[in-house]
Amino acid sequence: MIKGKSDNRGLLKLCFILCILLLSSCASTPHVDHNSEKRGTYVVASWYGHKFNGKLTASGKRFDMYAMTCAHKTLKFGTKLRVTNPDNNKSVIVTVNDRGPFIRGRDLDLSYGAAKKIGIITKGVGRVKIEHIP
């Protein structure tokens, strides 16, 4: 093997590794302002039900479409939220047990039971207020 080619491969590998490290250090993690959730934040919520009923959630628990649960992109599993529909002032306390929603522009996926209790089933998607419950 020619000495120059071997040196170039090592240099290319080193450059590749450095590029990967550099790019991964630029990636940011989503920021969750827990203080704003204590005061109440308005987000877009949707709901999910029949299609996922009985399937495993990201937390490892089986999804029960009638339970008071929700999916959120970043909040810790077990986090409790009060979710209020400002159109009718109905609220429910839900527990985060899944990840989602995976549709752009939506921030929270409520179980069918929770969405029905606050009245967003018919619309499918609605603006809600969320408050972190300690």
N, C-alpha and C. Protein backbone atom coordinates (compact mmCIF):
# COMPACT_ATOMS: atom_id res chain seq x y z
N MET A 1 0.84 -1.17 0.00
CA MET A 1 0.00 0.00 0.00
C MET A 1 0.89 1.24 0.00
N ILE A 2 0.47 2.23 -0.69
CA ILE A 2 1.22 3.48 -0.77
C ILE A 2 0.99 4.26 0.51
N LYS A 3 2.09 4.80 1.04
CA LYS A 3 2.03 5.48 2.33
C LYS A 3 1.07 6.68 2.30
N GLY A 4 1.04 7.44 1.25
CA GLY A 4 0.19 8.63 1.15
C GLY A 4 -1.28 8.30 1.23
N LYS A 5 -1.71 7.20 0.60
CA LYS A 5 -3.12 6.82 0.62
C LYS A 5 -3.56 6.42 2.02
N SER A 6 -2.75 5.71 2.75
CA SER A 6 -3.07 5.29 4.11
C SER A 6 -3.23 6.50 5.02
N ASP A 7 -2.34 7.48 4.88
CA ASP A 7 -2.43 8.70 5.68
C ASP A 7 -3.70 9.48 5.37
N ASN A 8 -4.09 9.51 4.10
CA ASN A 8 -5.31 10.24 3.71
C ASN A 8 -6.55 9.59 4.29
N ARG A 9 -6.61 8.27 4.35
CA ARG A 9 -7.77 7.59 4.91
C ARG A 9 -7.92 7.93 6.40
N GLY A 10 -6.82 7.91 7.11
CA GLY A 10 -6.86 8.25 8.53
C GLY A 10 -7.31 9.68 8.75
N LEU A 11 -6.81 10.57 7.90
CA LEU A 11 -7.19 11.97 7.97
C LEU A 11 -8.68 12.15 7.65
N LEU A 12 -9.17 11.42 6.65
CA LEU A 12 -10.58 11.49 6.30
C LEU A 12 -11.47 10.97 7.44
N LYS A 13 -11.05 9.88 8.07
CA LYS A 13 -11.81 9.34 9.20
C LYS A 13 -11.85 10.35 10.34
N LEU A 14 -10.72 10.97 10.63
CA LEU A 14 -10.65 11.97 11.68
C LEU A 14 -11.56 13.15 11.37
N CYS A 15 -11.54 13.62 10.12
CA CYS A 15 -12.40 14.74 9.71
C CYS A 15 -13.88 14.36 9.84
N PHE A 16 -14.20 13.14 9.45
CA PHE A 16 -15.58 12.67 9.54
C PHE A 16 -16.05 12.66 11.00
N ILE A 17 -15.24 12.13 11.88
CA ILE A 17 -15.58 12.06 13.30
C ILE A 17 -15.73 13.47 13.88
N LEU A 18 -14.83 14.36 13.53
CA LEU A 18 -14.93 15.73 14.02
C LEU A 18 -16.19 16.42 13.52
N CYS A 19 -16.56 16.17 12.26
CA CYS A 19 -17.78 16.77 11.71
C CYS A 19 -19.01 16.26 12.46
N ILE A 20 -19.06 14.95 12.73
CA ILE A 20 -20.18 14.38 13.46
C ILE A 20 -20.28 15.00 14.86
N LEU A 21 -19.14 15.09 15.55
CA LEU A 21 -19.14 15.69 16.88
C LEU A 21 -19.58 17.14 16.85
N LEU A 22 -19.11 17.88 15.86
CA LEU A 22 -19.47 19.29 15.74
C LEU A 22 -20.96 19.44 15.48
N LEU A 23 -21.50 18.64 14.55
CA LEU A 23 -22.92 18.74 14.23
C LEU A 23 -23.80 18.31 15.41
N SER A 24 -23.39 17.28 16.12
CA SER A 24 -24.21 16.83 17.25
C SER A 24 -24.19 17.84 18.40
N SER A 25 -23.11 18.58 18.53
CA SER A 25 -23.06 19.59 19.59
C SER A 25 -23.90 20.81 19.24
N CYS A 26 -24.23 20.98 17.96
CA CYS A 26 -25.07 22.10 17.53
C CYS A 26 -26.55 21.82 17.74
N ALA A 27 -26.92 20.55 17.83
CA ALA A 27 -28.33 20.19 18.00
C ALA A 27 -28.80 20.64 19.37
N SER A 28 -29.94 21.28 19.39
CA SER A 28 -30.46 21.75 20.68
C SER A 28 -31.58 20.84 21.14
N THR A 29 -31.75 20.77 22.44
CA THR A 29 -32.87 20.02 23.00
C THR A 29 -34.01 21.00 23.22
N PRO A 30 -35.25 20.52 23.08
CA PRO A 30 -36.38 21.42 23.28
C PRO A 30 -36.40 21.97 24.69
N HIS A 31 -36.77 23.24 24.80
CA HIS A 31 -36.82 23.88 26.11
C HIS A 31 -38.26 23.90 26.60
N VAL A 32 -38.46 23.46 27.80
CA VAL A 32 -39.78 23.51 28.41
C VAL A 32 -39.71 24.47 29.58
N ASP A 33 -40.52 25.50 29.52
CA ASP A 33 -40.58 26.48 30.61
C ASP A 33 -41.64 26.02 31.61
N HIS A 34 -41.20 25.29 32.64
CA HIS A 34 -42.14 24.75 33.61
C HIS A 34 -42.83 25.85 34.40
N ASN A 35 -42.19 26.99 34.58
CA ASN A 35 -42.82 28.09 35.31
C ASN A 35 -44.01 28.64 34.55
N SER A 36 -43.90 28.73 33.22
CA SER A 36 -45.04 29.24 32.45
C SER A 36 -46.20 28.26 32.52
N GLU A 37 -45.90 26.96 32.63
CA GLU A 37 -46.98 25.98 32.72
C GLU A 37 -47.68 26.07 34.07
N LYS A 38 -46.98 26.51 35.11
CA LYS A 38 -47.63 26.70 36.40
C LYS A 38 -48.63 27.85 36.33
N ARG A 39 -48.32 28.89 35.54
CA ARG A 39 -49.21 30.03 35.38
C ARG A 39 -50.30 29.73 34.38
N GLY A 40 -50.03 28.84 33.47
CA GLY A 40 -50.98 28.51 32.42
C GLY A 40 -50.47 28.95 31.07
N THR A 41 -50.45 28.03 30.17
CA THR A 41 -50.00 28.28 28.81
C THR A 41 -51.08 27.79 27.86
N TYR A 42 -51.32 28.53 26.81
CA TYR A 42 -52.29 28.11 25.81
C TYR A 42 -51.58 27.35 24.71
N VAL A 43 -52.10 26.16 24.42
CA VAL A 43 -51.51 25.30 23.40
C VAL A 43 -52.63 24.72 22.54
N VAL A 44 -52.24 24.08 21.46
CA VAL A 44 -53.20 23.41 20.59
C VAL A 44 -53.24 21.93 20.95
N ALA A 45 -54.43 21.46 21.27
CA ALA A 45 -54.61 20.06 21.66
C ALA A 45 -55.48 19.33 20.65
N SER A 46 -55.18 18.06 20.49
CA SER A 46 -56.00 17.17 19.69
C SER A 46 -56.28 15.95 20.56
N TRP A 47 -56.89 14.94 20.01
CA TRP A 47 -57.16 13.74 20.81
C TRP A 47 -56.92 12.49 19.97
N TYR A 48 -56.69 11.39 20.68
CA TYR A 48 -56.54 10.10 20.01
C TYR A 48 -57.26 9.03 20.80
N GLY A 49 -57.72 8.00 20.11
CA GLY A 49 -58.56 7.03 20.79
C GLY A 49 -58.54 5.64 20.19
N HIS A 50 -59.62 5.28 19.50
CA HIS A 50 -59.89 3.91 19.05
C HIS A 50 -58.69 3.22 18.40
N LYS A 51 -58.03 3.90 17.49
CA LYS A 51 -56.93 3.30 16.73
C LYS A 51 -55.78 2.83 17.63
N PHE A 52 -55.57 3.51 18.75
CA PHE A 52 -54.43 3.22 19.63
C PHE A 52 -54.83 2.51 20.92
N ASN A 53 -56.13 2.32 21.15
CA ASN A 53 -56.59 1.73 22.40
C ASN A 53 -55.98 0.34 22.61
N GLY A 54 -55.37 0.14 23.78
CA GLY A 54 -54.75 -1.14 24.12
C GLY A 54 -53.31 -1.29 23.68
N LYS A 55 -52.82 -0.38 22.87
CA LYS A 55 -51.43 -0.45 22.41
C LYS A 55 -50.51 0.17 23.47
N LEU A 56 -49.24 -0.23 23.42
CA LEU A 56 -48.27 0.32 24.38
C LEU A 56 -47.97 1.78 24.07
N THR A 57 -47.89 2.58 25.12
CA THR A 57 -47.49 3.98 24.98
C THR A 57 -45.97 4.06 25.11
N ALA A 58 -45.43 5.22 24.89
CA ALA A 58 -43.98 5.42 25.01
C ALA A 58 -43.49 5.17 26.43
N SER A 59 -44.37 5.32 27.41
CA SER A 59 -43.97 5.08 28.81
C SER A 59 -43.98 3.59 29.15
N GLY A 60 -44.49 2.76 28.24
CA GLY A 60 -44.55 1.32 28.47
C GLY A 60 -45.89 0.85 29.00
N LYS A 61 -46.80 1.78 29.26
CA LYS A 61 -48.14 1.42 29.75
C LYS A 61 -49.09 1.28 28.57
N ARG A 62 -50.11 0.48 28.74
CA ARG A 62 -51.12 0.31 27.68
C ARG A 62 -52.02 1.54 27.64
N PHE A 63 -52.31 1.99 26.43
CA PHE A 63 -53.17 3.15 26.25
C PHE A 63 -54.61 2.76 26.51
N ASP A 64 -55.26 3.52 27.38
CA ASP A 64 -56.68 3.36 27.67
C ASP A 64 -57.35 4.64 27.22
N MET A 65 -58.11 4.56 26.15
CA MET A 65 -58.70 5.77 25.57
C MET A 65 -59.68 6.48 26.50
N TYR A 66 -60.14 5.79 27.55
CA TYR A 66 -61.07 6.40 28.50
C TYR A 66 -60.37 6.96 29.75
N ALA A 67 -59.08 6.69 29.89
CA ALA A 67 -58.33 7.19 31.05
C ALA A 67 -58.01 8.67 30.85
N MET A 68 -57.68 9.35 31.93
CA MET A 68 -57.34 10.77 31.88
C MET A 68 -55.83 10.90 31.66
N THR A 69 -55.41 10.72 30.41
CA THR A 69 -54.00 10.75 30.06
C THR A 69 -53.79 11.64 28.85
N CYS A 70 -52.50 11.90 28.56
CA CYS A 70 -52.17 12.69 27.37
C CYS A 70 -50.77 12.34 26.89
N ALA A 71 -50.50 12.81 25.69
CA ALA A 71 -49.17 12.68 25.10
C ALA A 71 -48.60 14.09 24.94
N HIS A 72 -47.33 14.23 25.27
CA HIS A 72 -46.62 15.50 25.13
C HIS A 72 -45.23 15.20 24.59
N LYS A 73 -44.67 16.12 23.85
CA LYS A 73 -43.38 15.88 23.19
C LYS A 73 -42.20 15.82 24.15
N THR A 74 -42.23 16.61 25.23
CA THR A 74 -41.04 16.71 26.08
C THR A 74 -41.25 16.54 27.57
N LEU A 75 -42.46 16.71 28.07
CA LEU A 75 -42.68 16.62 29.52
C LEU A 75 -42.42 15.19 30.01
N LYS A 76 -41.93 15.09 31.24
CA LYS A 76 -41.63 13.79 31.84
C LYS A 76 -42.91 12.97 32.00
N PHE A 77 -42.77 11.66 31.81
CA PHE A 77 -43.90 10.77 32.08
C PHE A 77 -44.28 10.92 33.55
N GLY A 78 -45.57 10.91 33.81
CA GLY A 78 -46.07 11.08 35.17
C GLY A 78 -46.41 12.52 35.52
N THR A 79 -46.00 13.47 34.66
CA THR A 79 -46.34 14.88 34.89
C THR A 79 -47.86 15.04 34.83
N LYS A 80 -48.40 15.78 35.79
CA LYS A 80 -49.84 16.03 35.82
C LYS A 80 -50.11 17.44 35.32
N LEU A 81 -51.13 17.55 34.47
CA LEU A 81 -51.52 18.83 33.90
C LEU A 81 -53.01 19.04 34.08
N ARG A 82 -53.39 20.27 34.40
CA ARG A 82 -54.80 20.63 34.34
C ARG A 82 -55.00 21.22 32.94
N VAL A 83 -55.92 20.67 32.20
CA VAL A 83 -56.20 21.12 30.83
C VAL A 83 -57.60 21.71 30.83
N THR A 84 -57.68 22.98 30.40
CA THR A 84 -58.96 23.70 30.41
C THR A 84 -59.31 24.17 29.01
N ASN A 85 -60.56 23.92 28.63
CA ASN A 85 -61.08 24.41 27.36
C ASN A 85 -61.62 25.82 27.62
N PRO A 86 -60.99 26.86 27.08
CA PRO A 86 -61.44 28.23 27.37
C PRO A 86 -62.80 28.56 26.77
N ASP A 87 -63.27 27.76 25.80
CA ASP A 87 -64.58 28.01 25.19
C ASP A 87 -65.73 27.70 26.14
N ASN A 88 -65.53 26.70 27.03
CA ASN A 88 -66.61 26.32 27.94
C ASN A 88 -66.17 26.27 29.41
N ASN A 89 -64.89 26.55 29.64
CA ASN A 89 -64.28 26.56 30.98
C ASN A 89 -64.28 25.19 31.67
N LYS A 90 -64.47 24.11 30.91
CA LYS A 90 -64.39 22.76 31.48
C LYS A 90 -62.93 22.35 31.56
N SER A 91 -62.57 21.66 32.65
CA SER A 91 -61.18 21.24 32.79
C SER A 91 -61.09 19.81 33.28
N VAL A 92 -59.93 19.23 33.08
CA VAL A 92 -59.65 17.87 33.48
C VAL A 92 -58.17 17.79 33.87
N ILE A 93 -57.86 16.90 34.79
CA ILE A 93 -56.46 16.68 35.15
C ILE A 93 -56.01 15.40 34.47
N VAL A 94 -54.93 15.50 33.70
CA VAL A 94 -54.40 14.36 32.94
C VAL A 94 -52.96 14.09 33.34
N THR A 95 -52.51 12.87 33.06
CA THR A 95 -51.14 12.47 33.32
C THR A 95 -50.45 12.17 32.00
N VAL A 96 -49.24 12.71 31.83
CA VAL A 96 -48.46 12.45 30.61
C VAL A 96 -47.94 11.01 30.66
N ASN A 97 -48.32 10.22 29.67
CA ASN A 97 -47.83 8.84 29.62
C ASN A 97 -47.41 8.41 28.21
N ASP A 98 -47.33 9.38 27.30
CA ASP A 98 -46.98 9.05 25.92
C ASP A 98 -46.29 10.24 25.25
N ARG A 99 -45.72 10.01 24.10
CA ARG A 99 -45.08 11.05 23.30
C ARG A 99 -45.98 11.41 22.13
N GLY A 100 -45.93 12.66 21.76
CA GLY A 100 -46.74 13.14 20.64
C GLY A 100 -47.25 14.52 21.01
N PRO A 101 -48.08 15.09 20.22
CA PRO A 101 -48.56 14.63 18.93
C PRO A 101 -47.49 14.77 17.85
N PHE A 102 -47.68 14.05 16.77
CA PHE A 102 -46.69 14.05 15.70
C PHE A 102 -47.18 14.79 14.47
N ILE A 103 -48.13 15.66 14.67
CA ILE A 103 -48.64 16.50 13.58
C ILE A 103 -48.24 17.93 13.87
N ARG A 104 -47.64 18.57 12.89
CA ARG A 104 -47.14 19.94 13.04
C ARG A 104 -48.26 20.88 13.50
N GLY A 105 -47.93 21.73 14.46
CA GLY A 105 -48.88 22.72 14.96
C GLY A 105 -49.70 22.26 16.15
N ARG A 106 -49.52 21.01 16.55
CA ARG A 106 -50.23 20.49 17.72
C ARG A 106 -49.23 20.26 18.85
N ASP A 107 -49.67 20.55 20.07
CA ASP A 107 -48.76 20.49 21.22
C ASP A 107 -49.11 19.40 22.22
N LEU A 108 -50.35 18.95 22.23
CA LEU A 108 -50.82 18.01 23.24
C LEU A 108 -51.83 17.07 22.58
N ASP A 109 -51.72 15.79 22.88
CA ASP A 109 -52.70 14.80 22.43
C ASP A 109 -53.41 14.28 23.67
N LEU A 110 -54.69 14.54 23.78
CA LEU A 110 -55.48 14.06 24.91
C LEU A 110 -56.08 12.69 24.58
N SER A 111 -56.27 11.88 25.60
CA SER A 111 -57.02 10.64 25.40
C SER A 111 -58.45 11.03 25.04
N TYR A 112 -59.16 10.11 24.41
CA TYR A 112 -60.55 10.34 24.04
C TYR A 112 -61.37 10.77 25.26
N GLY A 113 -61.19 10.06 26.38
CA GLY A 113 -61.95 10.36 27.59
C GLY A 113 -61.73 11.77 28.09
N ALA A 114 -60.47 12.22 28.08
CA ALA A 114 -60.15 13.58 28.54
C ALA A 114 -60.70 14.63 27.58
N ALA A 115 -60.56 14.37 26.28
CA ALA A 115 -61.06 15.32 25.28
C ALA A 115 -62.58 15.43 25.35
N LYS A 116 -63.25 14.30 25.57
CA LYS A 116 -64.72 14.31 25.68
C LYS A 116 -65.16 15.12 26.90
N LYS A 117 -64.45 14.95 28.00
CA LYS A 117 -64.82 15.64 29.25
C LYS A 117 -64.74 17.16 29.11
N ILE A 118 -63.79 17.66 28.30
CA ILE A 118 -63.68 19.12 28.15
C ILE A 118 -64.33 19.63 26.85
N GLY A 119 -64.88 18.72 26.07
CA GLY A 119 -65.68 19.14 24.91
C GLY A 119 -64.93 19.48 23.64
N ILE A 120 -63.85 18.75 23.32
CA ILE A 120 -63.17 19.04 22.04
C ILE A 120 -63.26 17.86 21.06
N ILE A 121 -64.11 16.88 21.36
CA ILE A 121 -64.24 15.72 20.48
C ILE A 121 -64.76 16.13 19.10
N THR A 122 -65.82 16.89 19.07
CA THR A 122 -66.44 17.26 17.79
C THR A 122 -65.50 18.07 16.91
N LYS A 123 -64.84 19.06 17.50
CA LYS A 123 -63.91 19.89 16.72
C LYS A 123 -62.66 19.10 16.35
N GLY A 124 -62.24 18.18 17.21
CA GLY A 124 -61.04 17.38 16.95
C GLY A 124 -59.76 18.03 17.42
N VAL A 125 -59.68 19.33 17.25
CA VAL A 125 -58.50 20.10 17.65
C VAL A 125 -59.00 21.39 18.28
N GLY A 126 -58.35 21.83 19.34
CA GLY A 126 -58.77 23.07 19.97
C GLY A 126 -57.67 23.69 20.81
N ARG A 127 -57.83 24.97 21.04
CA ARG A 127 -56.90 25.71 21.90
C ARG A 127 -57.31 25.45 23.34
N VAL A 128 -56.33 25.03 24.15
CA VAL A 128 -56.59 24.75 25.56
C VAL A 128 -55.53 25.43 26.42
N LYS A 129 -55.87 25.59 27.67
CA LYS A 129 -54.91 26.13 28.64
C LYS A 129 -54.38 24.95 29.45
N ILE A 130 -53.05 24.88 29.59
CA ILE A 130 -52.47 23.83 30.43
C ILE A 130 -51.77 24.47 31.62
N GLU A 131 -51.94 23.83 32.78
CA GLU A 131 -51.27 24.26 34.00
C GLU A 131 -50.60 23.05 34.63
N HIS A 132 -49.36 23.22 35.03
CA HIS A 132 -48.61 22.15 35.67
C HIS A 132 -49.16 21.95 37.08
N ILE A 133 -49.47 20.71 37.44
CA ILE A 133 -49.95 20.37 38.78
C ILE A 133 -48.81 19.71 39.53
N PRO A 134 -48.36 20.29 40.64
CA PRO A 134 -47.22 19.69 41.37
C PRO A 134 -47.58 18.34 41.99
